[in-house]
Amino acid sequence: MAGFPAFTDNHVRQQIVEGLLRGGWKVVRSVDAFGEAEDDDVLFDYAAKEGLVFVTCDEKIHAIANARLKAGEAFRMVFWPQAHHARMSDGDFVRALVELSEKPDAFCYAIEYIKPTR
């Protein structure tokens, strides 16, 4: 399997999910696992329990992650602010995730951040 096993919420554009799937990644979408309106804490718990990397640009989930990090909980997340969508294409995000998956020191810190490429 390529990449890391990912869990995406409804804030991750479908084109990014499709790019990862085409690359052979395991991707679980929150809408497939829970439907449209599940509580963010439930989504976070599920990703952590299943060993999935929570991939999101949702500021509320990022705040949950920071609180749980302070509480000493184990999880992995990739985050970028929504504003990056104006500066990065879907392909840029897919390439950034692939590059992250190839880093030997990825997830030394629980949250990895995607930075704009342009």
N, C-alpha and C. Protein backbone atom coordinates (compact mmCIF):
# COMPACT_ATOMS: atom_id res chain seq x y z
N MET A 1 0.84 -1.18 0.00
CA MET A 1 0.00 0.00 0.00
C MET A 1 0.89 1.24 0.00
N ALA A 2 0.52 2.20 -0.79
CA ALA A 2 1.25 3.46 -0.85
C ALA A 2 0.81 4.36 0.30
N GLY A 3 1.69 5.24 0.72
CA GLY A 3 1.33 6.24 1.71
C GLY A 3 0.96 5.66 3.06
N PHE A 4 0.33 6.49 3.86
CA PHE A 4 -0.14 6.07 5.18
C PHE A 4 -1.66 5.93 5.12
N PRO A 5 -2.26 5.12 5.99
CA PRO A 5 -3.72 4.99 5.98
C PRO A 5 -4.34 6.30 6.46
N ALA A 6 -5.22 6.87 5.64
CA ALA A 6 -5.74 8.21 5.90
C ALA A 6 -7.24 8.19 6.20
N PHE A 7 -7.65 9.13 7.04
CA PHE A 7 -9.05 9.38 7.33
C PHE A 7 -9.32 10.83 6.99
N THR A 8 -10.22 11.09 6.05
CA THR A 8 -10.50 12.46 5.63
C THR A 8 -11.90 12.86 6.06
N ASP A 9 -12.02 14.13 6.44
CA ASP A 9 -13.34 14.65 6.75
C ASP A 9 -13.91 15.37 5.54
N ASN A 10 -15.07 15.95 5.70
CA ASN A 10 -15.74 16.57 4.56
C ASN A 10 -15.08 17.86 4.10
N HIS A 11 -14.04 18.32 4.77
CA HIS A 11 -13.33 19.52 4.35
C HIS A 11 -12.25 19.22 3.31
N VAL A 12 -11.89 17.96 3.15
CA VAL A 12 -10.88 17.59 2.16
C VAL A 12 -11.59 17.36 0.83
N ARG A 13 -11.16 18.11 -0.17
CA ARG A 13 -11.83 18.05 -1.48
C ARG A 13 -11.75 16.65 -2.08
N GLN A 14 -12.81 16.26 -2.74
CA GLN A 14 -12.93 14.94 -3.35
C GLN A 14 -11.78 14.66 -4.33
N GLN A 15 -11.32 15.68 -5.05
CA GLN A 15 -10.23 15.49 -6.01
C GLN A 15 -8.94 15.06 -5.31
N ILE A 16 -8.73 15.54 -4.09
CA ILE A 16 -7.55 15.13 -3.32
C ILE A 16 -7.71 13.67 -2.91
N VAL A 17 -8.89 13.31 -2.43
CA VAL A 17 -9.15 11.90 -2.06
C VAL A 17 -8.94 11.00 -3.27
N GLU A 18 -9.49 11.39 -4.40
CA GLU A 18 -9.35 10.57 -5.62
C GLU A 18 -7.90 10.44 -6.04
N GLY A 19 -7.11 11.51 -5.91
CA GLY A 19 -5.70 11.43 -6.24
C GLY A 19 -4.96 10.44 -5.36
N LEU A 20 -5.27 10.43 -4.07
CA LEU A 20 -4.65 9.47 -3.16
C LEU A 20 -5.08 8.04 -3.50
N LEU A 21 -6.36 7.86 -3.75
CA LEU A 21 -6.85 6.52 -4.10
C LEU A 21 -6.18 6.00 -5.38
N ARG A 22 -6.03 6.88 -6.38
CA ARG A 22 -5.36 6.47 -7.63
C ARG A 22 -3.92 6.06 -7.36
N GLY A 23 -3.31 6.67 -6.32
CA GLY A 23 -1.94 6.34 -5.95
C GLY A 23 -1.83 5.10 -5.08
N GLY A 24 -2.94 4.41 -4.84
CA GLY A 24 -2.92 3.18 -4.06
C GLY A 24 -3.04 3.36 -2.56
N TRP A 25 -3.43 4.53 -2.12
CA TRP A 25 -3.57 4.79 -0.69
C TRP A 25 -4.86 4.19 -0.15
N LYS A 26 -4.83 3.83 1.13
CA LYS A 26 -6.05 3.47 1.85
C LYS A 26 -6.61 4.78 2.39
N VAL A 27 -7.82 5.13 1.97
CA VAL A 27 -8.46 6.36 2.43
C VAL A 27 -9.88 6.02 2.90
N VAL A 28 -10.18 6.37 4.14
CA VAL A 28 -11.52 6.24 4.69
C VAL A 28 -12.08 7.65 4.80
N ARG A 29 -13.20 7.90 4.15
CA ARG A 29 -13.85 9.21 4.23
C ARG A 29 -14.86 9.20 5.37
N SER A 30 -14.90 10.27 6.14
CA SER A 30 -15.83 10.34 7.26
C SER A 30 -17.28 10.21 6.81
N VAL A 31 -17.62 10.75 5.64
CA VAL A 31 -19.00 10.66 5.17
C VAL A 31 -19.39 9.23 4.84
N ASP A 32 -18.42 8.40 4.46
CA ASP A 32 -18.71 6.99 4.19
C ASP A 32 -18.84 6.20 5.49
N ALA A 33 -18.04 6.56 6.48
CA ALA A 33 -18.04 5.82 7.75
C ALA A 33 -19.18 6.26 8.67
N PHE A 34 -19.57 7.54 8.60
CA PHE A 34 -20.52 8.07 9.58
C PHE A 34 -21.69 8.85 8.98
N GLY A 35 -21.69 9.14 7.72
CA GLY A 35 -22.71 10.01 7.16
C GLY A 35 -22.27 11.46 7.22
N GLU A 36 -23.21 12.34 7.05
CA GLU A 36 -22.89 13.76 6.89
C GLU A 36 -22.64 14.54 8.17
N ALA A 37 -23.27 14.24 9.25
CA ALA A 37 -23.29 15.17 10.38
C ALA A 37 -22.78 14.57 11.69
N GLU A 38 -21.66 13.89 11.66
CA GLU A 38 -21.15 13.30 12.90
C GLU A 38 -20.34 14.34 13.68
N ASP A 39 -20.34 14.22 14.98
CA ASP A 39 -19.59 15.09 15.87
C ASP A 39 -18.09 14.96 15.63
N ASP A 40 -17.37 16.09 15.64
CA ASP A 40 -15.94 16.09 15.37
C ASP A 40 -15.15 15.23 16.36
N ASP A 41 -15.56 15.21 17.62
CA ASP A 41 -14.86 14.38 18.61
C ASP A 41 -15.00 12.89 18.27
N VAL A 42 -16.15 12.49 17.77
CA VAL A 42 -16.36 11.09 17.37
C VAL A 42 -15.45 10.75 16.20
N LEU A 43 -15.35 11.66 15.23
CA LEU A 43 -14.46 11.42 14.08
C LEU A 43 -13.02 11.30 14.54
N PHE A 44 -12.61 12.19 15.42
CA PHE A 44 -11.24 12.17 15.92
C PHE A 44 -10.95 10.86 16.65
N ASP A 45 -11.88 10.45 17.53
CA ASP A 45 -11.71 9.20 18.27
C ASP A 45 -11.58 8.01 17.32
N TYR A 46 -12.42 7.98 16.29
CA TYR A 46 -12.40 6.88 15.34
C TYR A 46 -11.05 6.79 14.63
N ALA A 47 -10.58 7.91 14.12
CA ALA A 47 -9.30 7.90 13.40
C ALA A 47 -8.18 7.40 14.31
N ALA A 48 -8.13 7.91 15.53
CA ALA A 48 -7.07 7.50 16.46
C ALA A 48 -7.17 6.02 16.80
N LYS A 49 -8.38 5.56 17.10
CA LYS A 49 -8.59 4.16 17.47
C LYS A 49 -8.22 3.20 16.34
N GLU A 50 -8.52 3.60 15.11
CA GLU A 50 -8.26 2.75 13.94
C GLU A 50 -6.84 2.89 13.40
N GLY A 51 -6.04 3.77 13.99
CA GLY A 51 -4.67 3.97 13.53
C GLY A 51 -4.58 4.71 12.21
N LEU A 52 -5.58 5.51 11.91
CA LEU A 52 -5.62 6.28 10.67
C LEU A 52 -5.09 7.69 10.92
N VAL A 53 -4.44 8.26 9.93
CA VAL A 53 -3.98 9.63 10.01
C VAL A 53 -5.15 10.53 9.62
N PHE A 54 -5.55 11.41 10.52
CA PHE A 54 -6.65 12.32 10.25
C PHE A 54 -6.13 13.44 9.35
N VAL A 55 -6.64 13.51 8.14
CA VAL A 55 -6.23 14.51 7.16
C VAL A 55 -7.35 15.53 7.05
N THR A 56 -7.05 16.79 7.38
CA THR A 56 -8.10 17.81 7.40
C THR A 56 -7.53 19.21 7.27
N CYS A 57 -8.42 20.12 6.91
CA CYS A 57 -8.12 21.55 6.96
C CYS A 57 -9.16 22.26 7.82
N ASP A 58 -9.81 21.51 8.68
CA ASP A 58 -10.86 22.02 9.57
C ASP A 58 -10.22 22.58 10.84
N GLU A 59 -10.36 23.89 11.04
CA GLU A 59 -9.78 24.55 12.21
C GLU A 59 -10.32 23.99 13.53
N LYS A 60 -11.61 23.61 13.56
CA LYS A 60 -12.19 23.08 14.80
C LYS A 60 -11.53 21.74 15.18
N ILE A 61 -11.29 20.90 14.18
CA ILE A 61 -10.63 19.61 14.47
C ILE A 61 -9.18 19.84 14.85
N HIS A 62 -8.54 20.84 14.26
CA HIS A 62 -7.17 21.18 14.65
C HIS A 62 -7.13 21.62 16.11
N ALA A 63 -8.14 22.36 16.56
CA ALA A 63 -8.22 22.76 17.97
C ALA A 63 -8.40 21.54 18.88
N ILE A 64 -9.22 20.60 18.44
CA ILE A 64 -9.40 19.35 19.20
C ILE A 64 -8.06 18.63 19.30
N ALA A 65 -7.33 18.57 18.19
CA ALA A 65 -6.03 17.89 18.19
C ALA A 65 -5.06 18.55 19.16
N ASN A 66 -5.02 19.87 19.17
CA ASN A 66 -4.12 20.56 20.10
C ASN A 66 -4.49 20.29 21.55
N ALA A 67 -5.78 20.26 21.85
CA ALA A 67 -6.21 19.96 23.22
C ALA A 67 -5.83 18.53 23.59
N ARG A 68 -6.00 17.62 22.68
CA ARG A 68 -5.68 16.22 22.98
C ARG A 68 -4.18 15.99 23.05
N LEU A 69 -3.44 16.75 22.28
CA LEU A 69 -1.99 16.68 22.36
C LEU A 69 -1.52 17.10 23.75
N LYS A 70 -2.10 18.18 24.26
CA LYS A 70 -1.77 18.66 25.60
C LYS A 70 -2.16 17.64 26.67
N ALA A 71 -3.21 16.85 26.39
CA ALA A 71 -3.66 15.83 27.33
C ALA A 71 -2.85 14.54 27.22
N GLY A 72 -1.92 14.50 26.26
CA GLY A 72 -1.06 13.34 26.11
C GLY A 72 -1.64 12.19 25.30
N GLU A 73 -2.70 12.46 24.55
CA GLU A 73 -3.31 11.40 23.73
C GLU A 73 -2.49 11.13 22.47
N ALA A 74 -2.50 9.89 22.06
CA ALA A 74 -1.76 9.49 20.86
C ALA A 74 -2.67 9.56 19.64
N PHE A 75 -2.17 10.18 18.59
CA PHE A 75 -2.87 10.26 17.31
C PHE A 75 -1.88 10.78 16.27
N ARG A 76 -2.30 10.74 15.02
CA ARG A 76 -1.52 11.35 13.93
C ARG A 76 -2.47 12.18 13.08
N MET A 77 -2.01 13.34 12.65
CA MET A 77 -2.85 14.24 11.85
C MET A 77 -2.00 14.99 10.84
N VAL A 78 -2.62 15.27 9.69
CA VAL A 78 -2.05 16.20 8.73
C VAL A 78 -3.04 17.35 8.64
N PHE A 79 -2.52 18.57 8.75
CA PHE A 79 -3.40 19.74 8.76
C PHE A 79 -2.83 20.83 7.87
N TRP A 80 -3.74 21.56 7.23
CA TRP A 80 -3.40 22.81 6.54
C TRP A 80 -4.58 23.76 6.70
N PRO A 81 -4.31 25.06 6.81
CA PRO A 81 -5.40 26.03 6.90
C PRO A 81 -6.17 26.12 5.58
N GLN A 82 -7.45 26.40 5.66
CA GLN A 82 -8.31 26.54 4.48
C GLN A 82 -7.71 27.53 3.48
N ALA A 83 -7.06 28.56 3.97
CA ALA A 83 -6.51 29.59 3.08
C ALA A 83 -5.52 29.03 2.07
N HIS A 84 -4.91 27.89 2.36
CA HIS A 84 -3.96 27.29 1.42
C HIS A 84 -4.63 26.90 0.10
N HIS A 85 -5.93 26.67 0.12
CA HIS A 85 -6.62 26.27 -1.10
C HIS A 85 -6.52 27.34 -2.19
N ALA A 86 -6.33 28.58 -1.80
CA ALA A 86 -6.17 29.65 -2.78
C ALA A 86 -4.77 29.64 -3.39
N ARG A 87 -3.83 28.97 -2.74
CA ARG A 87 -2.43 28.98 -3.18
C ARG A 87 -1.93 27.64 -3.68
N MET A 88 -2.72 26.58 -3.47
CA MET A 88 -2.27 25.24 -3.86
C MET A 88 -3.38 24.54 -4.64
N SER A 89 -2.97 23.80 -5.65
CA SER A 89 -3.93 22.99 -6.40
C SER A 89 -4.17 21.68 -5.67
N ASP A 90 -5.18 20.96 -6.11
CA ASP A 90 -5.42 19.64 -5.52
C ASP A 90 -4.19 18.74 -5.73
N GLY A 91 -3.59 18.84 -6.88
CA GLY A 91 -2.37 18.08 -7.16
C GLY A 91 -1.24 18.44 -6.22
N ASP A 92 -1.12 19.74 -5.87
CA ASP A 92 -0.10 20.16 -4.91
C ASP A 92 -0.31 19.47 -3.56
N PHE A 93 -1.59 19.39 -3.13
CA PHE A 93 -1.88 18.72 -1.85
C PHE A 93 -1.53 17.24 -1.92
N VAL A 94 -1.89 16.59 -3.00
CA VAL A 94 -1.59 15.16 -3.15
C VAL A 94 -0.07 14.97 -3.12
N ARG A 95 0.66 15.79 -3.87
CA ARG A 95 2.13 15.67 -3.88
C ARG A 95 2.71 15.91 -2.48
N ALA A 96 2.16 16.89 -1.76
CA ALA A 96 2.64 17.17 -0.41
C ALA A 96 2.40 15.98 0.52
N LEU A 97 1.26 15.34 0.39
CA LEU A 97 0.96 14.16 1.22
C LEU A 97 1.88 13.00 0.86
N VAL A 98 2.14 12.81 -0.42
CA VAL A 98 3.07 11.75 -0.85
C VAL A 98 4.46 12.02 -0.30
N GLU A 99 4.92 13.27 -0.43
CA GLU A 99 6.25 13.62 0.11
C GLU A 99 6.32 13.38 1.61
N LEU A 100 5.27 13.75 2.33
CA LEU A 100 5.23 13.51 3.76
C LEU A 100 5.32 12.02 4.07
N SER A 101 4.61 11.21 3.30
CA SER A 101 4.60 9.76 3.55
C SER A 101 5.97 9.13 3.33
N GLU A 102 6.82 9.82 2.58
CA GLU A 102 8.15 9.29 2.27
C GLU A 102 9.23 9.79 3.23
N LYS A 103 8.88 10.73 4.10
CA LYS A 103 9.84 11.27 5.06
C LYS A 103 10.08 10.25 6.17
N PRO A 104 11.33 9.90 6.43
CA PRO A 104 11.59 8.93 7.49
C PRO A 104 11.22 9.43 8.88
N ASP A 105 11.19 10.75 9.06
CA ASP A 105 10.88 11.29 10.38
C ASP A 105 9.46 11.85 10.47
N ALA A 106 8.59 11.44 9.54
CA ALA A 106 7.21 11.91 9.57
C ALA A 106 6.53 11.47 10.86
N PHE A 107 5.74 12.34 11.41
CA PHE A 107 4.95 12.10 12.61
C PHE A 107 5.79 11.91 13.87
N CYS A 108 7.02 12.46 13.87
CA CYS A 108 7.74 12.54 15.14
C CYS A 108 6.95 13.44 16.09
N TYR A 109 6.27 14.41 15.53
CA TYR A 109 5.29 15.24 16.23
C TYR A 109 3.94 14.79 15.71
N ALA A 110 2.95 14.73 16.54
CA ALA A 110 1.65 14.15 16.16
C ALA A 110 0.98 14.84 14.99
N ILE A 111 1.21 16.15 14.85
CA ILE A 111 0.56 16.91 13.78
C ILE A 111 1.60 17.35 12.76
N GLU A 112 1.40 16.95 11.52
CA GLU A 112 2.26 17.41 10.42
C GLU A 112 1.48 18.51 9.69
N TYR A 113 2.19 19.55 9.28
CA TYR A 113 1.56 20.68 8.62
C TYR A 113 1.98 20.76 7.16
N ILE A 114 1.03 20.99 6.29
CA ILE A 114 1.32 21.20 4.88
C ILE A 114 1.42 22.70 4.68
N LYS A 115 2.54 23.11 4.08
CA LYS A 115 2.78 24.51 3.82
C LYS A 115 2.59 24.79 2.33
N PRO A 116 2.21 26.00 1.98
CA PRO A 116 2.01 26.33 0.56
C PRO A 116 3.26 26.10 -0.27
N THR A 117 3.05 25.67 -1.48
CA THR A 117 4.17 25.41 -2.39
C THR A 117 4.45 26.62 -3.27
N ARG A 118 3.55 27.58 -3.28
CA ARG A 118 3.78 28.79 -4.09
C ARG A 118 3.57 30.02 -3.26
